[in-house]
Amino acid sequence: MIVKTKKFALDKKDYVSIAFKRHMRKDWKWLLIPAAVVILGLVLHFTGSYKNWWIPVVAVVGGGLYVLFWYAQFYAASQMEQNKQMFDKFMYEIDSRQILVKLNQKEGGIMKWESIQSAEKNEDSYLLIIGKGQFLRFPFNVFNSEHDMKLFESILKRKELLPA
């Protein structure tokens, strides 16, 4: 059985939001360093050992710059000319062998299931993770029927990308 989707495109705002949130959820540990420095600076300040506000201020600014840096990275990726095709409208034909990405009836490409690292089912879409900042998003409304959506989910479960 083949699951066919309607022609749709990934929105740039959705891309930035999803990629940034996924990255922050994965690498949140780096924010512990500025948090620890803030706590250390406050403890030193209020115990009287070292009365200076620059340590917590610099740590907060550094943590904010780290978050801003990664947001800017994903935003810039959505604006670059070489990434323009990520936001083109495609149709997809999905079966257990491959994912066929079609620009129109004559042009397209093949994506093997081996290139998909994991999958997630969200409240409004399926997300197929390819790499850092690379994913395919299938909103529920792009499927032609409820049956196609269930078939797509069963393929993901058979490929062990979604929990059974």
N, C-alpha and C. Protein backbone atom coordinates (compact mmCIF):
# COMPACT_ATOMS: atom_id res chain seq x y z
N MET A 1 0.83 -1.18 0.00
CA MET A 1 0.00 0.00 0.00
C MET A 1 0.87 1.25 0.00
N ILE A 2 0.42 2.25 -0.73
CA ILE A 2 1.14 3.51 -0.83
C ILE A 2 0.29 4.61 -0.22
N VAL A 3 0.94 5.41 0.61
CA VAL A 3 0.29 6.58 1.20
C VAL A 3 0.67 7.78 0.34
N LYS A 4 -0.32 8.48 -0.19
CA LYS A 4 -0.07 9.67 -0.99
C LYS A 4 -0.57 10.89 -0.21
N THR A 5 0.24 11.92 -0.24
CA THR A 5 -0.14 13.16 0.46
C THR A 5 -0.55 14.22 -0.56
N LYS A 6 -1.19 15.24 -0.04
CA LYS A 6 -1.46 16.42 -0.85
C LYS A 6 -0.15 17.19 -1.01
N LYS A 7 -0.13 18.10 -1.98
CA LYS A 7 1.05 18.93 -2.17
C LYS A 7 1.08 19.99 -1.08
N PHE A 8 2.20 20.08 -0.38
CA PHE A 8 2.32 21.05 0.71
C PHE A 8 3.77 21.46 0.89
N ALA A 9 3.97 22.56 1.62
CA ALA A 9 5.32 23.07 1.89
C ALA A 9 5.50 23.27 3.38
N LEU A 10 6.73 23.18 3.81
CA LEU A 10 7.09 23.48 5.19
C LEU A 10 7.18 24.99 5.35
N ASP A 11 6.49 25.54 6.32
CA ASP A 11 6.52 26.97 6.60
C ASP A 11 7.84 27.33 7.28
N LYS A 12 8.42 28.45 6.90
CA LYS A 12 9.71 28.86 7.48
C LYS A 12 9.61 29.10 8.98
N LYS A 13 8.52 29.70 9.43
CA LYS A 13 8.34 29.95 10.87
C LYS A 13 8.24 28.63 11.63
N ASP A 14 7.52 27.65 11.05
CA ASP A 14 7.42 26.34 11.69
C ASP A 14 8.79 25.67 11.76
N TYR A 15 9.57 25.79 10.67
CA TYR A 15 10.91 25.19 10.65
C TYR A 15 11.77 25.76 11.78
N VAL A 16 11.82 27.09 11.87
CA VAL A 16 12.66 27.73 12.89
C VAL A 16 12.20 27.32 14.28
N SER A 17 10.90 27.34 14.51
CA SER A 17 10.36 27.00 15.82
C SER A 17 10.67 25.55 16.20
N ILE A 18 10.40 24.63 15.30
CA ILE A 18 10.61 23.20 15.59
C ILE A 18 12.10 22.90 15.77
N ALA A 19 12.94 23.38 14.85
CA ALA A 19 14.37 23.08 14.92
C ALA A 19 14.99 23.68 16.18
N PHE A 20 14.62 24.92 16.51
CA PHE A 20 15.17 25.57 17.70
C PHE A 20 14.74 24.86 18.98
N LYS A 21 13.45 24.54 19.09
CA LYS A 21 12.96 23.85 20.29
C LYS A 21 13.60 22.48 20.45
N ARG A 22 13.73 21.73 19.34
CA ARG A 22 14.35 20.41 19.42
C ARG A 22 15.81 20.53 19.87
N HIS A 23 16.53 21.51 19.33
CA HIS A 23 17.93 21.69 19.71
C HIS A 23 18.05 22.09 21.19
N MET A 24 17.21 23.01 21.63
CA MET A 24 17.28 23.44 23.04
C MET A 24 16.92 22.30 23.99
N ARG A 25 15.94 21.48 23.59
CA ARG A 25 15.59 20.33 24.44
C ARG A 25 16.74 19.34 24.51
N LYS A 26 17.48 19.19 23.42
CA LYS A 26 18.58 18.23 23.38
C LYS A 26 19.82 18.76 24.11
N ASP A 27 20.13 20.04 23.93
CA ASP A 27 21.38 20.61 24.48
C ASP A 27 21.14 21.60 25.62
N TRP A 28 20.12 21.38 26.41
CA TRP A 28 19.82 22.27 27.53
C TRP A 28 20.92 22.27 28.58
N LYS A 29 21.72 21.22 28.60
CA LYS A 29 22.75 21.08 29.64
C LYS A 29 23.77 22.22 29.60
N TRP A 30 23.99 22.81 28.41
CA TRP A 30 24.94 23.91 28.31
C TRP A 30 24.46 25.13 29.06
N LEU A 31 23.17 25.23 29.31
CA LEU A 31 22.64 26.37 30.07
C LEU A 31 22.88 26.22 31.57
N LEU A 32 23.32 25.03 31.99
CA LEU A 32 23.63 24.83 33.41
C LEU A 32 24.89 25.59 33.82
N ILE A 33 25.81 25.79 32.88
CA ILE A 33 27.06 26.50 33.19
C ILE A 33 26.78 27.95 33.60
N PRO A 34 26.05 28.74 32.78
CA PRO A 34 25.75 30.10 33.24
C PRO A 34 24.89 30.12 34.50
N ALA A 35 23.98 29.15 34.66
CA ALA A 35 23.15 29.10 35.87
C ALA A 35 24.02 28.86 37.10
N ALA A 36 25.00 27.96 36.98
CA ALA A 36 25.90 27.68 38.10
C ALA A 36 26.75 28.91 38.43
N VAL A 37 27.19 29.62 37.40
CA VAL A 37 28.00 30.82 37.63
C VAL A 37 27.16 31.91 38.30
N VAL A 38 25.88 32.04 37.89
CA VAL A 38 24.99 33.02 38.54
C VAL A 38 24.84 32.68 40.02
N ILE A 39 24.58 31.43 40.32
CA ILE A 39 24.41 31.00 41.72
C ILE A 39 25.70 31.24 42.51
N LEU A 40 26.83 30.86 41.92
CA LEU A 40 28.12 31.08 42.59
C LEU A 40 28.35 32.57 42.83
N GLY A 41 28.08 33.39 41.84
CA GLY A 41 28.27 34.83 41.99
C GLY A 41 27.38 35.41 43.06
N LEU A 42 26.12 34.97 43.12
CA LEU A 42 25.21 35.46 44.15
C LEU A 42 25.63 35.00 45.54
N VAL A 43 26.06 33.76 45.65
CA VAL A 43 26.52 33.25 46.95
C VAL A 43 27.74 34.04 47.42
N LEU A 44 28.70 34.27 46.52
CA LEU A 44 29.90 35.04 46.89
C LEU A 44 29.53 36.47 47.26
N HIS A 45 28.57 37.03 46.53
CA HIS A 45 28.18 38.42 46.81
C HIS A 45 27.50 38.55 48.17
N PHE A 46 26.54 37.67 48.45
CA PHE A 46 25.77 37.82 49.68
C PHE A 46 26.47 37.26 50.92
N THR A 47 27.49 36.45 50.74
CA THR A 47 28.27 36.02 51.91
C THR A 47 29.36 37.03 52.25
N GLY A 48 29.54 37.99 51.38
CA GLY A 48 30.53 39.03 51.64
C GLY A 48 31.93 38.68 51.17
N SER A 49 32.13 37.49 50.60
CA SER A 49 33.45 37.09 50.14
C SER A 49 33.92 37.93 48.96
N TYR A 50 33.00 38.22 48.07
CA TYR A 50 33.36 38.96 46.86
C TYR A 50 32.15 39.76 46.43
N LYS A 51 32.12 41.03 46.78
CA LYS A 51 30.94 41.86 46.50
C LYS A 51 31.09 42.51 45.13
N ASN A 52 30.48 41.87 44.14
CA ASN A 52 30.50 42.42 42.80
C ASN A 52 29.37 41.77 42.00
N TRP A 53 28.67 42.57 41.22
CA TRP A 53 27.52 42.06 40.46
C TRP A 53 27.90 41.59 39.06
N TRP A 54 29.13 41.82 38.65
CA TRP A 54 29.46 41.52 37.27
C TRP A 54 29.42 40.02 36.96
N ILE A 55 29.71 39.15 37.92
CA ILE A 55 29.72 37.70 37.66
C ILE A 55 28.32 37.22 37.27
N PRO A 56 27.26 37.45 38.07
CA PRO A 56 25.94 36.98 37.65
C PRO A 56 25.43 37.68 36.39
N VAL A 57 25.75 38.96 36.23
CA VAL A 57 25.28 39.68 35.04
C VAL A 57 25.90 39.10 33.78
N VAL A 58 27.21 38.87 33.81
CA VAL A 58 27.90 38.30 32.65
C VAL A 58 27.38 36.88 32.37
N ALA A 59 27.10 36.11 33.40
CA ALA A 59 26.60 34.75 33.20
C ALA A 59 25.21 34.77 32.56
N VAL A 60 24.34 35.66 33.01
CA VAL A 60 23.00 35.76 32.42
C VAL A 60 23.09 36.21 30.96
N VAL A 61 23.94 37.21 30.71
CA VAL A 61 24.12 37.68 29.32
C VAL A 61 24.70 36.57 28.46
N GLY A 62 25.67 35.82 28.99
CA GLY A 62 26.27 34.71 28.23
C GLY A 62 25.26 33.62 27.91
N GLY A 63 24.42 33.27 28.88
CA GLY A 63 23.37 32.28 28.63
C GLY A 63 22.38 32.76 27.59
N GLY A 64 22.01 34.05 27.70
CA GLY A 64 21.10 34.63 26.70
C GLY A 64 21.72 34.65 25.32
N LEU A 65 23.00 34.96 25.23
CA LEU A 65 23.68 34.97 23.93
C LEU A 65 23.77 33.56 23.33
N TYR A 66 23.95 32.55 24.18
CA TYR A 66 23.96 31.17 23.70
C TYR A 66 22.62 30.82 23.05
N VAL A 67 21.53 31.15 23.73
CA VAL A 67 20.19 30.87 23.20
C VAL A 67 19.96 31.67 21.92
N LEU A 68 20.33 32.95 21.92
CA LEU A 68 20.16 33.80 20.75
C LEU A 68 20.99 33.30 19.56
N PHE A 69 22.20 32.81 19.84
CA PHE A 69 23.06 32.27 18.78
C PHE A 69 22.37 31.13 18.05
N TRP A 70 21.80 30.18 18.79
CA TRP A 70 21.18 29.04 18.14
C TRP A 70 19.89 29.42 17.43
N TYR A 71 19.13 30.36 17.98
CA TYR A 71 17.94 30.83 17.28
C TYR A 71 18.34 31.48 15.95
N ALA A 72 19.39 32.29 15.99
CA ALA A 72 19.87 32.96 14.77
C ALA A 72 20.37 31.94 13.74
N GLN A 73 20.98 30.86 14.20
CA GLN A 73 21.46 29.82 13.27
C GLN A 73 20.30 29.21 12.49
N PHE A 74 19.24 28.83 13.19
CA PHE A 74 18.11 28.20 12.51
C PHE A 74 17.33 29.21 11.68
N TYR A 75 17.24 30.45 12.15
CA TYR A 75 16.57 31.48 11.36
C TYR A 75 17.34 31.73 10.07
N ALA A 76 18.66 31.85 10.17
CA ALA A 76 19.49 32.09 8.98
C ALA A 76 19.40 30.92 8.01
N ALA A 77 19.33 29.71 8.53
CA ALA A 77 19.22 28.54 7.65
C ALA A 77 17.93 28.60 6.83
N SER A 78 16.88 29.17 7.41
CA SER A 78 15.61 29.25 6.67
C SER A 78 15.65 30.35 5.61
N GLN A 79 16.60 31.28 5.71
CA GLN A 79 16.67 32.39 4.75
C GLN A 79 17.70 32.18 3.65
N MET A 80 18.55 31.18 3.79
CA MET A 80 19.64 30.98 2.83
C MET A 80 19.11 30.46 1.50
N GLU A 81 19.74 30.91 0.43
CA GLU A 81 19.33 30.53 -0.92
C GLU A 81 19.49 29.02 -1.15
N GLN A 82 20.56 28.42 -0.64
CA GLN A 82 20.78 26.99 -0.88
C GLN A 82 19.80 26.10 -0.12
N ASN A 83 19.10 26.65 0.87
CA ASN A 83 18.08 25.88 1.59
C ASN A 83 16.67 26.18 1.10
N LYS A 84 16.56 26.94 0.04
CA LYS A 84 15.26 27.36 -0.49
C LYS A 84 14.37 26.16 -0.84
N GLN A 85 14.97 25.10 -1.35
CA GLN A 85 14.17 23.94 -1.76
C GLN A 85 13.52 23.22 -0.58
N MET A 86 14.02 23.42 0.64
CA MET A 86 13.38 22.82 1.81
C MET A 86 11.96 23.33 1.99
N PHE A 87 11.69 24.52 1.46
CA PHE A 87 10.40 25.16 1.68
C PHE A 87 9.53 25.18 0.42
N ASP A 88 9.92 24.39 -0.59
CA ASP A 88 9.10 24.24 -1.80
C ASP A 88 7.94 23.29 -1.51
N LYS A 89 6.93 23.35 -2.37
CA LYS A 89 5.78 22.44 -2.22
C LYS A 89 6.12 21.10 -2.86
N PHE A 90 5.89 20.03 -2.10
CA PHE A 90 6.12 18.67 -2.57
C PHE A 90 4.91 17.80 -2.27
N MET A 91 4.77 16.74 -3.05
CA MET A 91 3.84 15.65 -2.75
C MET A 91 4.72 14.48 -2.32
N TYR A 92 4.18 13.63 -1.50
CA TYR A 92 4.95 12.48 -1.04
C TYR A 92 4.16 11.20 -1.30
N GLU A 93 4.87 10.17 -1.74
CA GLU A 93 4.31 8.83 -1.85
C GLU A 93 5.16 7.94 -0.95
N ILE A 94 4.54 7.40 0.07
CA ILE A 94 5.27 6.70 1.12
C ILE A 94 4.83 5.24 1.13
N ASP A 95 5.80 4.35 1.10
CA ASP A 95 5.52 2.93 1.30
C ASP A 95 6.62 2.35 2.19
N SER A 96 6.60 1.06 2.38
CA SER A 96 7.55 0.45 3.31
C SER A 96 8.98 0.38 2.75
N ARG A 97 9.15 0.65 1.46
CA ARG A 97 10.49 0.61 0.87
C ARG A 97 11.19 1.95 0.87
N GLN A 98 10.40 3.04 0.64
CA GLN A 98 11.01 4.35 0.44
C GLN A 98 9.98 5.46 0.60
N ILE A 99 10.50 6.66 0.59
CA ILE A 99 9.66 7.86 0.56
C ILE A 99 9.98 8.56 -0.76
N LEU A 100 8.98 8.66 -1.61
CA LEU A 100 9.15 9.32 -2.90
C LEU A 100 8.71 10.77 -2.74
N VAL A 101 9.65 11.68 -2.98
CA VAL A 101 9.39 13.11 -2.87
C VAL A 101 9.18 13.63 -4.28
N LYS A 102 7.97 14.16 -4.56
CA LYS A 102 7.65 14.55 -5.93
C LYS A 102 7.39 16.05 -6.01
N LEU A 103 8.11 16.70 -6.91
CA LEU A 103 7.88 18.11 -7.20
C LEU A 103 6.66 18.27 -8.09
N ASN A 104 6.55 17.39 -9.07
CA ASN A 104 5.37 17.29 -9.93
C ASN A 104 5.28 15.84 -10.40
N GLN A 105 4.46 15.54 -11.38
CA GLN A 105 4.27 14.15 -11.80
C GLN A 105 5.53 13.55 -12.43
N LYS A 106 6.42 14.39 -12.98
CA LYS A 106 7.60 13.88 -13.68
C LYS A 106 8.90 14.04 -12.91
N GLU A 107 8.97 14.98 -11.97
CA GLU A 107 10.20 15.26 -11.26
C GLU A 107 10.08 14.90 -9.78
N GLY A 108 11.16 14.36 -9.25
CA GLY A 108 11.15 14.02 -7.83
C GLY A 108 12.42 13.29 -7.44
N GLY A 109 12.42 12.79 -6.25
CA GLY A 109 13.57 12.05 -5.74
C GLY A 109 13.13 11.01 -4.73
N ILE A 110 14.06 10.14 -4.38
CA ILE A 110 13.78 9.05 -3.46
C ILE A 110 14.56 9.26 -2.17
N MET A 111 13.89 9.04 -1.06
CA MET A 111 14.54 9.07 0.25
C MET A 111 14.38 7.69 0.87
N LYS A 112 15.48 7.08 1.21
CA LYS A 112 15.44 5.76 1.83
C LYS A 112 15.10 5.87 3.31
N TRP A 113 14.47 4.86 3.84
CA TRP A 113 14.10 4.86 5.26
C TRP A 113 15.33 4.85 6.16
N GLU A 114 16.47 4.39 5.65
CA GLU A 114 17.69 4.35 6.46
C GLU A 114 18.16 5.76 6.83
N SER A 115 17.77 6.77 6.05
CA SER A 115 18.20 8.13 6.35
C SER A 115 17.36 8.79 7.44
N ILE A 116 16.27 8.14 7.86
CA ILE A 116 15.43 8.66 8.93
C ILE A 116 15.95 8.12 10.26
N GLN A 117 16.34 9.02 11.16
CA GLN A 117 16.88 8.61 12.45
C GLN A 117 15.79 8.25 13.45
N SER A 118 14.72 9.04 13.47
CA SER A 118 13.64 8.80 14.41
C SER A 118 12.39 9.51 13.91
N ALA A 119 11.29 9.26 14.62
CA ALA A 119 10.02 9.90 14.27
C ALA A 119 9.30 10.28 15.56
N GLU A 120 8.45 11.29 15.44
CA GLU A 120 7.64 11.74 16.57
C GLU A 120 6.23 12.00 16.07
N LYS A 121 5.28 11.70 16.93
CA LYS A 121 3.90 12.07 16.63
C LYS A 121 3.53 13.19 17.60
N ASN A 122 3.23 14.37 17.04
CA ASN A 122 2.84 15.52 17.84
C ASN A 122 1.33 15.67 17.81
N GLU A 123 0.83 16.72 18.42
CA GLU A 123 -0.62 16.92 18.48
C GLU A 123 -1.23 17.24 17.12
N ASP A 124 -0.40 17.73 16.16
CA ASP A 124 -0.97 18.09 14.86
C ASP A 124 -0.17 17.56 13.67
N SER A 125 0.89 16.79 13.92
CA SER A 125 1.72 16.34 12.80
C SER A 125 2.62 15.17 13.19
N TYR A 126 3.21 14.58 12.14
CA TYR A 126 4.28 13.60 12.30
C TYR A 126 5.58 14.29 11.92
N LEU A 127 6.64 14.00 12.66
CA LEU A 127 7.94 14.59 12.39
C LEU A 127 8.92 13.45 12.16
N LEU A 128 9.54 13.42 10.98
CA LEU A 128 10.57 12.44 10.68
C LEU A 128 11.92 13.15 10.76
N ILE A 129 12.75 12.73 11.71
CA ILE A 129 14.02 13.40 11.98
C ILE A 129 15.10 12.79 11.10
N ILE A 130 15.79 13.65 10.35
CA ILE A 130 16.87 13.21 9.47
C ILE A 130 18.22 13.52 10.11
N GLY A 131 18.35 14.69 10.69
CA GLY A 131 19.59 15.11 11.34
C GLY A 131 19.34 16.40 12.09
N LYS A 132 20.40 17.02 12.56
CA LYS A 132 20.27 18.27 13.32
C LYS A 132 19.73 19.36 12.39
N GLY A 133 18.55 19.85 12.70
CA GLY A 133 17.93 20.88 11.88
C GLY A 133 17.35 20.37 10.58
N GLN A 134 17.30 19.06 10.40
CA GLN A 134 16.75 18.47 9.18
C GLN A 134 15.65 17.50 9.55
N PHE A 135 14.48 17.73 8.99
CA PHE A 135 13.34 16.87 9.29
C PHE A 135 12.28 17.03 8.22
N LEU A 136 11.40 16.06 8.17
CA LEU A 136 10.20 16.13 7.33
C LEU A 136 9.01 16.25 8.28
N ARG A 137 8.15 17.21 8.02
CA ARG A 137 6.97 17.41 8.86
C ARG A 137 5.74 17.12 8.02
N PHE A 138 4.91 16.21 8.52
CA PHE A 138 3.68 15.84 7.84
C PHE A 138 2.49 16.22 8.73
N PRO A 139 1.91 17.42 8.50
CA PRO A 139 0.71 17.77 9.27
C PRO A 139 -0.41 16.79 8.94
N PHE A 140 -1.31 16.57 9.89
CA PHE A 140 -2.38 15.59 9.68
C PHE A 140 -3.27 15.95 8.49
N ASN A 141 -3.41 17.24 8.18
CA ASN A 141 -4.32 17.63 7.11
C ASN A 141 -3.78 17.39 5.70
N VAL A 142 -2.51 16.94 5.55
CA VAL A 142 -1.99 16.66 4.21
C VAL A 142 -2.31 15.25 3.74
N PHE A 143 -2.80 14.41 4.64
CA PHE A 143 -3.18 13.07 4.24
C PHE A 143 -4.56 13.11 3.60
N ASN A 144 -4.76 12.28 2.59
CA ASN A 144 -6.02 12.30 1.85
C ASN A 144 -7.17 11.69 2.62
N SER A 145 -6.87 10.82 3.57
CA SER A 145 -7.93 10.20 4.35
C SER A 145 -7.39 9.76 5.71
N GLU A 146 -8.29 9.41 6.58
CA GLU A 146 -7.92 8.87 7.90
C GLU A 146 -7.18 7.55 7.74
N HIS A 147 -7.58 6.78 6.73
CA HIS A 147 -6.93 5.50 6.44
C HIS A 147 -5.46 5.70 6.07
N ASP A 148 -5.17 6.72 5.24
CA ASP A 148 -3.78 6.99 4.86
C ASP A 148 -2.94 7.37 6.08
N MET A 149 -3.52 8.15 6.96
CA MET A 149 -2.80 8.55 8.17
C MET A 149 -2.49 7.34 9.05
N LYS A 150 -3.45 6.44 9.20
CA LYS A 150 -3.22 5.24 10.00
C LYS A 150 -2.21 4.31 9.34
N LEU A 151 -2.26 4.22 8.02
CA LEU A 151 -1.29 3.41 7.29
C LEU A 151 0.11 3.99 7.45
N PHE A 152 0.24 5.31 7.37
CA PHE A 152 1.53 5.97 7.57
C PHE A 152 2.07 5.67 8.96
N GLU A 153 1.21 5.77 9.96
CA GLU A 153 1.63 5.48 11.32
C GLU A 153 2.05 4.02 11.49
N SER A 154 1.34 3.11 10.84
CA SER A 154 1.72 1.69 10.94
C SER A 154 3.05 1.42 10.25
N ILE A 155 3.34 2.13 9.16
CA ILE A 155 4.65 1.99 8.51
C ILE A 155 5.74 2.47 9.47
N LEU A 156 5.51 3.60 10.13
CA LEU A 156 6.50 4.11 11.09
C LEU A 156 6.73 3.14 12.24
N LYS A 157 5.65 2.49 12.68
CA LYS A 157 5.80 1.51 13.77
C LYS A 157 6.55 0.27 13.29
N ARG A 158 6.27 -0.18 12.07
CA ARG A 158 6.98 -1.35 11.53
C ARG A 158 8.46 -1.06 11.34
N LYS A 159 8.77 0.19 10.99
CA LYS A 159 10.18 0.59 10.83
C LYS A 159 10.84 0.89 12.18
N GLU A 160 10.08 0.71 13.27
CA GLU A 160 10.53 0.95 14.64
C GLU A 160 10.99 2.40 14.85
N LEU A 161 10.31 3.33 14.17
CA LEU A 161 10.58 4.74 14.36
C LEU A 161 9.63 5.35 15.39
N LEU A 162 8.47 4.74 15.54
CA LEU A 162 7.49 5.13 16.57
C LEU A 162 7.29 3.94 17.49
N PRO A 163 7.03 4.16 18.77
CA PRO A 163 6.75 3.03 19.67
C PRO A 163 5.45 2.36 19.27
N ALA A 164 5.43 1.02 19.35
CA ALA A 164 4.24 0.25 18.94
C ALA A 164 3.11 0.38 19.92
